[in-house]
Amino acid sequence: MIEDSVESFILQYKPYAVTAEIVAGTEGNPLVECILGAKALHFLERTGPYVSSAGKKNIILNCSVAEVHPLDSAQKKFEVTGLSKLSVQGLIIENHGDNVVIDAGATFVLSQLEPAKLNVGDWIAFESLPPVHGFVLSEPVEKPRYVEEDSI
């Protein structure tokens, strides 16, 4: 992943978060399992070990790749090909230099290790390098109301 900080990455790519169901995990396991569409995939959580509690969450999914291949036909799909590894085909919807945003039926931020000339509107395919990184967006929590008890 190519980033200045976790916070700046989240700020820039928050609009491209996907909603996924996080499955209860095993304490100490660095990978978080989630259900995205009808597929189970694992990601390395970058935002802290307790943000990814079980339930529906908004997550920015970030894939690192060594190579990107152009597609001859317009096709959006992603498949889980291994533990925290994906095969993705889709449309580039944003270009930020080393990072591009791709719509593959779900949205992914793609970080290129060897940047290729990619343009918005290009259809591409890639195999992600494990692990897929995940930035779980924390939801605002309502502050508890403290009631001051009458003193005796």
C-alpha atoms as a PDB file:
ATOM      1  CA  MET A   1       0.000   0.000   0.000  1.00  0.00           C
ATOM      2  CA  ILE A   2       1.202   3.493  -0.797  1.00  0.00           C
ATOM      3  CA  GLU A   3       0.153   6.025   1.832  1.00  0.00           C
ATOM      4  CA  ASP A   4       1.355   8.960   3.907  1.00  0.00           C
ATOM      5  CA  SER A   5      -0.617   7.802   6.935  1.00  0.00           C
ATOM      6  CA  VAL A   6      -3.626   5.659   7.749  1.00  0.00           C
ATOM      7  CA  GLU A   7      -5.616   8.818   8.466  1.00  0.00           C
ATOM      8  CA  SER A   8      -4.770  10.489   5.145  1.00  0.00           C
ATOM      9  CA  PHE A   9      -5.545   7.282   3.230  1.00  0.00           C
ATOM     10  CA  ILE A  10      -8.953   7.045   4.903  1.00  0.00           C
ATOM     11  CA  LEU A  11      -9.684  10.720   4.265  1.00  0.00           C
ATOM     12  CA  GLN A  12      -8.893  10.375   0.550  1.00  0.00           C
ATOM     13  CA  TYR A  13     -10.615   7.032  -0.124  1.00  0.00           C
ATOM     14  CA  LYS A  14     -13.533   7.063   2.337  1.00  0.00           C
ATOM     15  CA  PRO A  15     -16.053   7.701  -0.493  1.00  0.00           C
ATOM     16  CA  TYR A  16     -15.026   4.340  -2.013  1.00  0.00           C
ATOM     17  CA  ALA A  17     -15.659   2.214   1.075  1.00  0.00           C
ATOM     18  CA  VAL A  18     -17.788  -0.895   0.624  1.00  0.00           C
ATOM     19  CA  THR A  19     -20.266  -2.250   3.130  1.00  0.00           C
ATOM     20  CA  ALA A  20     -19.387  -5.759   4.251  1.00  0.00           C
ATOM     21  CA  GLU A  21     -20.360  -8.080   7.076  1.00  0.00           C
ATOM     22  CA  ILE A  22     -17.427  -8.736   9.398  1.00  0.00           C
ATOM     23  CA  VAL A  23     -17.478 -12.239  10.852  1.00  0.00           C
ATOM     24  CA  ALA A  24     -16.490 -12.804  14.477  1.00  0.00           C
ATOM     25  CA  GLY A  25     -12.792 -13.619  14.451  1.00  0.00           C
ATOM     26  CA  THR A  26     -10.213 -15.407  16.513  1.00  0.00           C
ATOM     27  CA  GLU A  27      -8.319 -13.279  19.037  1.00  0.00           C
ATOM     28  CA  GLY A  28      -4.759 -12.723  17.857  1.00  0.00           C
ATOM     29  CA  ASN A  29      -5.442 -13.533  14.188  1.00  0.00           C
ATOM     30  CA  PRO A  30      -4.099 -10.633  12.094  1.00  0.00           C
ATOM     31  CA  LEU A  31      -6.625 -11.283   9.298  1.00  0.00           C
ATOM     32  CA  VAL A  32     -10.263 -10.233   9.493  1.00  0.00           C
ATOM     33  CA  GLU A  33     -12.876 -12.255   7.604  1.00  0.00           C
ATOM     34  CA  CYS A  34     -15.759 -10.477   5.932  1.00  0.00           C
ATOM     35  CA  ILE A  35     -18.601 -11.287   3.580  1.00  0.00           C
ATOM     36  CA  LEU A  36     -18.734  -8.994   0.556  1.00  0.00           C
ATOM     37  CA  GLY A  37     -21.620  -9.813  -1.725  1.00  0.00           C
ATOM     38  CA  ALA A  38     -21.734 -13.587  -1.565  1.00  0.00           C
ATOM     39  CA  LYS A  39     -17.971 -13.989  -1.150  1.00  0.00           C
ATOM     40  CA  ALA A  40     -15.872 -14.476   1.969  1.00  0.00           C
ATOM     41  CA  LEU A  41     -12.540 -12.689   1.919  1.00  0.00           C
ATOM     42  CA  HIS A  42      -9.818 -11.903   4.423  1.00  0.00           C
ATOM     43  CA  PHE A  43      -7.994  -8.628   4.931  1.00  0.00           C
ATOM     44  CA  LEU A  44      -5.278  -7.224   7.152  1.00  0.00           C
ATOM     45  CA  GLU A  45      -6.891  -4.547   9.287  1.00  0.00           C
ATOM     46  CA  ARG A  46      -4.931  -1.283   9.211  1.00  0.00           C
ATOM     47  CA  THR A  47      -7.109   0.739  11.570  1.00  0.00           C
ATOM     48  CA  GLY A  48      -6.709  -1.010  14.901  1.00  0.00           C
ATOM     49  CA  PRO A  49      -7.632  -4.350  16.380  1.00  0.00           C
ATOM     50  CA  TYR A  50     -10.981  -3.373  17.905  1.00  0.00           C
ATOM     51  CA  VAL A  51     -12.637  -1.391  15.118  1.00  0.00           C
ATOM     52  CA  SER A  52     -13.494  -4.595  13.268  1.00  0.00           C
ATOM     53  CA  SER A  53     -16.073  -6.027  15.632  1.00  0.00           C
ATOM     54  CA  ALA A  54     -18.608  -8.391  14.076  1.00  0.00           C
ATOM     55  CA  GLY A  55     -21.400  -6.820  12.040  1.00  0.00           C
ATOM     56  CA  LYS A  56     -21.924  -4.598   9.017  1.00  0.00           C
ATOM     57  CA  LYS A  57     -19.081  -2.115   8.559  1.00  0.00           C
ATOM     58  CA  ASN A  58     -17.842   0.262   5.911  1.00  0.00           C
ATOM     59  CA  ILE A  59     -14.396  -0.822   4.747  1.00  0.00           C
ATOM     60  CA  ILE A  60     -11.877   0.583   2.278  1.00  0.00           C
ATOM     61  CA  LEU A  61     -10.270  -2.424   0.569  1.00  0.00           C
ATOM     62  CA  ASN A  62      -6.752  -1.848  -0.745  1.00  0.00           C
ATOM     63  CA  CYS A  63      -4.973  -4.310  -3.059  1.00  0.00           C
ATOM     64  CA  SER A  64      -1.294  -4.182  -3.973  1.00  0.00           C
ATOM     65  CA  VAL A  65      -0.317  -5.487  -7.415  1.00  0.00           C
ATOM     66  CA  ALA A  66       2.833  -6.082  -9.404  1.00  0.00           C
ATOM     67  CA  GLU A  67       1.135  -6.106 -12.840  1.00  0.00           C
ATOM     68  CA  VAL A  68      -2.041  -4.776 -14.403  1.00  0.00           C
ATOM     69  CA  HIS A  69      -3.444  -6.142 -17.666  1.00  0.00           C
ATOM     70  CA  PRO A  70      -5.808  -4.342 -20.056  1.00  0.00           C
ATOM     71  CA  LEU A  71      -9.143  -6.016 -20.792  1.00  0.00           C
ATOM     72  CA  ASP A  72     -10.636  -6.304 -24.261  1.00  0.00           C
ATOM     73  CA  SER A  73     -14.187  -6.450 -22.942  1.00  0.00           C
ATOM     74  CA  ALA A  74     -16.076  -4.610 -20.225  1.00  0.00           C
ATOM     75  CA  GLN A  75     -16.453  -7.016 -17.319  1.00  0.00           C
ATOM     76  CA  LYS A  76     -16.792  -6.339 -13.593  1.00  0.00           C
ATOM     77  CA  LYS A  77     -16.010  -9.199 -11.236  1.00  0.00           C
ATOM     78  CA  PHE A  78     -13.798 -10.246  -8.375  1.00  0.00           C
ATOM     79  CA  GLU A  79     -12.949 -13.698  -7.107  1.00  0.00           C
ATOM     80  CA  VAL A  80     -11.214 -14.899  -3.980  1.00  0.00           C
ATOM     81  CA  THR A  81      -8.253 -16.994  -5.173  1.00  0.00           C
ATOM     82  CA  GLY A  82      -6.516 -17.659  -1.850  1.00  0.00           C
ATOM     83  CA  LEU A  83      -6.090 -16.408   1.679  1.00  0.00           C
ATOM     84  CA  SER A  84      -6.307 -12.599   1.377  1.00  0.00           C
ATOM     85  CA  LYS A  85      -5.756 -12.828  -2.385  1.00  0.00           C
ATOM     86  CA  LEU A  86      -8.085 -11.685  -5.183  1.00  0.00           C
ATOM     87  CA  SER A  87      -8.465 -11.821  -8.947  1.00  0.00           C
ATOM     88  CA  VAL A  88     -10.186  -8.621 -10.110  1.00  0.00           C
ATOM     89  CA  GLN A  89     -11.584  -7.274 -13.384  1.00  0.00           C
ATOM     90  CA  GLY A  90     -13.156  -3.855 -13.611  1.00  0.00           C
ATOM     91  CA  LEU A  91     -13.296  -0.234 -14.637  1.00  0.00           C
ATOM     92  CA  ILE A  92     -10.944   2.487 -13.393  1.00  0.00           C
ATOM     93  CA  ILE A  93     -13.123   5.251 -11.952  1.00  0.00           C
ATOM     94  CA  GLU A  94     -10.408   7.426 -10.313  1.00  0.00           C
ATOM     95  CA  ASN A  95      -6.683   7.855 -10.904  1.00  0.00           C
ATOM     96  CA  HIS A  96      -4.423   9.172  -8.149  1.00  0.00           C
ATOM     97  CA  GLY A  97      -1.028   8.310  -9.638  1.00  0.00           C
ATOM     98  CA  ASP A  98       0.277   5.232  -7.819  1.00  0.00           C
ATOM     99  CA  ASN A  99      -3.261   4.439  -6.612  1.00  0.00           C
ATOM    100  CA  VAL A 100      -6.323   3.939  -8.782  1.00  0.00           C
ATOM    101  CA  VAL A 101      -9.896   3.167  -7.778  1.00  0.00           C
ATOM    102  CA  ILE A 102     -11.544   0.306  -9.622  1.00  0.00           C
ATOM    103  CA  ASP A 103     -15.187  -0.707  -9.804  1.00  0.00           C
ATOM    104  CA  ALA A 104     -15.347  -4.484 -10.035  1.00  0.00           C
ATOM    105  CA  GLY A 105     -18.870  -4.884  -8.724  1.00  0.00           C
ATOM    106  CA  ALA A 106     -17.270  -3.820  -5.426  1.00  0.00           C
ATOM    107  CA  THR A 107     -14.867  -0.916  -5.151  1.00  0.00           C
ATOM    108  CA  PHE A 108     -11.154  -1.467  -4.548  1.00  0.00           C
ATOM    109  CA  VAL A 109      -8.227   0.919  -4.210  1.00  0.00           C
ATOM    110  CA  LEU A 110      -5.383  -0.524  -6.251  1.00  0.00           C
ATOM    111  CA  SER A 111      -1.793   0.329  -5.300  1.00  0.00           C
ATOM    112  CA  GLN A 112       0.749  -0.373  -8.017  1.00  0.00           C
ATOM    113  CA  LEU A 113       4.259  -1.443  -7.066  1.00  0.00           C
ATOM    114  CA  GLU A 114       5.413  -0.659 -10.617  1.00  0.00           C
ATOM    115  CA  PRO A 115       3.130   2.167 -11.764  1.00  0.00           C
ATOM    116  CA  ALA A 116       1.714   1.651 -15.243  1.00  0.00           C
ATOM    117  CA  LYS A 117       0.045   4.297 -17.388  1.00  0.00           C
ATOM    118  CA  LEU A 118      -3.612   3.887 -16.450  1.00  0.00           C
ATOM    119  CA  ASN A 119      -6.517   6.176 -17.261  1.00  0.00           C
ATOM    120  CA  VAL A 120     -10.023   6.675 -15.954  1.00  0.00           C
ATOM    121  CA  GLY A 121     -12.279   4.598 -18.199  1.00  0.00           C
ATOM    122  CA  ASP A 122      -9.720   1.807 -18.754  1.00  0.00           C
ATOM    123  CA  TRP A 123     -10.896  -1.765 -18.185  1.00  0.00           C
ATOM    124  CA  ILE A 124      -8.211  -3.767 -16.376  1.00  0.00           C
ATOM    125  CA  ALA A 125      -7.523  -7.083 -14.669  1.00  0.00           C
ATOM    126  CA  PHE A 126      -5.082  -7.938 -11.896  1.00  0.00           C
ATOM    127  CA  GLU A 127      -4.124 -10.523  -9.310  1.00  0.00           C
ATOM    128  CA  SER A 128      -3.624  -8.953  -5.886  1.00  0.00           C
ATOM    129  CA  LEU A 129      -0.563  -9.641  -3.789  1.00  0.00           C
ATOM    130  CA  PRO A 130      -1.501 -10.888  -0.329  1.00  0.00           C
ATOM    131  CA  PRO A 131      -2.552  -9.536   2.009  1.00  0.00           C
ATOM    132  CA  VAL A 132      -5.439  -7.320   0.985  1.00  0.00           C
ATOM    133  CA  HIS A 133      -5.428  -4.327   3.348  1.00  0.00           C
ATOM    134  CA  GLY A 134      -8.650  -3.174   4.978  1.00  0.00           C
ATOM    135  CA  PHE A 135      -9.428   0.158   6.598  1.00  0.00           C
ATOM    136  CA  VAL A 136     -12.490  -0.286   8.794  1.00  0.00           C
ATOM    137  CA  LEU A 137     -14.269   3.014   9.207  1.00  0.00           C
ATOM    138  CA  SER A 138     -15.281   3.694  12.770  1.00  0.00           C
ATOM    139  CA  GLU A 139     -18.853   4.745  13.203  1.00  0.00           C
ATOM    140  CA  PRO A 140     -19.611   7.689  15.444  1.00  0.00           C
ATOM    141  CA  VAL A 141     -20.643   6.459  18.861  1.00  0.00           C
ATOM    142  CA  GLU A 142     -23.254   8.344  20.808  1.00  0.00           C
ATOM    143  CA  LYS A 143     -21.734   9.749  23.953  1.00  0.00           C
ATOM    144  CA  PRO A 144     -23.343   8.410  27.124  1.00  0.00           C
ATOM    145  CA  ARG A 145     -25.470  10.826  29.056  1.00  0.00           C
ATOM    146  CA  TYR A 146     -24.444  11.200  32.647  1.00  0.00           C
ATOM    147  CA  VAL A 147     -27.209  11.968  35.070  1.00  0.00           C
ATOM    148  CA  GLU A 148     -26.103  13.760  38.141  1.00  0.00           C
ATOM    149  CA  GLU A 149     -27.690  12.140  41.162  1.00  0.00           C
ATOM    150  CA  ASP A 150     -29.120  14.277  43.919  1.00  0.00           C
ATOM    151  CA  SER A 151     -26.849  14.377  46.878  1.00  0.00           C
ATOM    152  CA  ILE A 152     -28.212  13.480  50.272  1.00  0.00           C
END
